[in-house]
């Protein structure tokens, strides 16, 4: 709904919110992952991170709640604002 309309590139299902980011190369992808780690640790909320060379996929869910919570959406917004990377196609 509303989150998807204002946060381009993210997808939401019953259990999680996810987005893939594409970078020029592996080094840029890893720098982004390190930035994600920093904001995630600060929020004390940690996404699943899938790395495939220049593509990073972030999946957020509040496992203790069995689905998506405000924590997930807040962190997704913060992660989306990080690198300015275009959503991967």
Protein backbone atom coordinates (compact mmCIF):
# COMPACT_ATOMS: atom_id res chain seq x y z
CA UNK A 1 0.00 0.00 0.00
CA UNK A 2 1.27 3.35 1.14
CA UNK A 3 4.86 2.26 1.85
CA UNK A 4 5.29 0.84 -1.66
CA UNK A 5 3.95 4.05 -3.24
CA UNK A 6 6.51 6.21 -1.42
CA UNK A 7 9.49 3.81 -1.41
CA UNK A 8 10.33 2.86 -4.98
CA UNK A 9 11.75 -0.60 -5.61
CA UNK A 10 10.55 -2.32 -2.46
CA UNK A 11 8.11 -5.23 -2.59
CA UNK A 12 5.94 -6.44 0.26
CA UNK A 13 4.35 -9.82 0.87
CA UNK A 14 2.65 -11.31 3.94
CA UNK A 15 5.90 -11.93 5.78
CA UNK A 16 8.56 -9.51 4.55
CA UNK A 17 9.60 -6.37 2.71
CA UNK A 18 12.41 -6.74 0.16
CA UNK A 19 14.43 -4.82 -2.39
CA UNK A 20 17.41 -5.55 -4.65
CA UNK A 21 20.07 -2.94 -5.28
CA UNK A 22 22.53 -3.03 -8.17
CA UNK A 23 26.01 -1.49 -8.08
CA UNK A 24 28.89 -0.95 -10.49
CA UNK A 25 30.92 -3.77 -8.98
CA UNK A 26 31.52 -6.03 -5.98
CA UNK A 27 33.45 -3.39 -4.01
CA UNK A 28 30.58 -0.89 -4.23
CA UNK A 29 28.12 -3.61 -3.26
CA UNK A 30 30.20 -4.47 -0.19
CA UNK A 31 30.47 -0.81 0.82
CA UNK A 32 26.67 -0.65 0.69
CA UNK A 33 26.43 -3.82 2.82
CA UNK A 34 28.71 -2.22 5.41
CA UNK A 35 26.49 0.87 5.47
CA UNK A 36 23.43 -1.38 5.89
CA UNK A 37 25.18 -3.11 8.79
CA UNK A 38 25.81 0.23 10.50
CA UNK A 39 22.21 1.48 10.30
CA UNK A 40 20.86 -1.97 11.18
CA UNK A 41 23.01 -2.22 14.28
CA UNK A 42 21.96 1.28 15.32
CA UNK A 43 18.29 0.25 14.92
CA UNK A 44 19.01 -3.09 16.64
CA UNK A 45 17.11 -4.73 13.81
CA UNK A 46 18.89 -6.87 11.26
CA UNK A 47 17.85 -7.77 7.71
CA UNK A 48 18.71 -10.85 5.73
CA UNK A 49 21.33 -9.75 3.20
CA UNK A 50 21.93 -11.69 -0.02
CA UNK A 51 25.01 -10.72 -2.03
CA UNK A 52 25.66 -11.73 -5.61
CA UNK A 53 28.67 -9.82 -6.98
CA UNK A 54 27.16 -6.39 -7.75
CA UNK A 55 23.61 -7.14 -6.57
CA UNK A 56 22.51 -6.92 -2.96
CA UNK A 57 19.05 -8.06 -1.87
CA UNK A 58 17.73 -6.91 1.50
CA UNK A 59 14.87 -8.80 3.15
CA UNK A 60 13.29 -7.43 6.32
CA UNK A 61 10.90 -9.22 8.63
CA UNK A 62 10.28 -9.22 12.36
CA UNK A 63 10.64 -12.93 13.00
CA UNK A 64 9.46 -12.64 16.62
CA UNK A 65 6.21 -11.10 15.36
CA UNK A 66 5.82 -13.46 12.39
CA UNK A 67 5.72 -10.73 9.77
CA UNK A 68 6.24 -7.07 8.95
CA UNK A 69 6.24 -4.43 11.67
CA UNK A 70 6.90 -0.70 11.82
CA UNK A 71 10.54 -1.56 12.62
CA UNK A 72 10.90 -3.21 9.23
CA UNK A 73 9.38 -0.31 7.33
CA UNK A 74 11.47 2.27 9.21
CA UNK A 75 14.70 0.38 8.52
CA UNK A 76 13.72 -0.25 4.89
CA UNK A 77 13.25 3.49 4.40
CA UNK A 78 16.65 4.17 5.98
CA UNK A 79 18.36 1.51 3.85
CA UNK A 80 16.66 2.82 0.71
CA UNK A 81 18.04 6.30 1.41
CA UNK A 82 21.62 5.05 1.89
CA UNK A 83 23.45 4.63 -1.34
CA UNK A 84 21.07 6.21 -3.79
CA UNK A 85 21.40 3.04 -5.87
CA UNK A 86 18.67 2.40 -8.37
CA UNK A 87 16.50 -0.60 -7.60
CA UNK A 88 17.76 -3.60 -9.53
CA UNK A 89 15.55 -4.52 -12.43
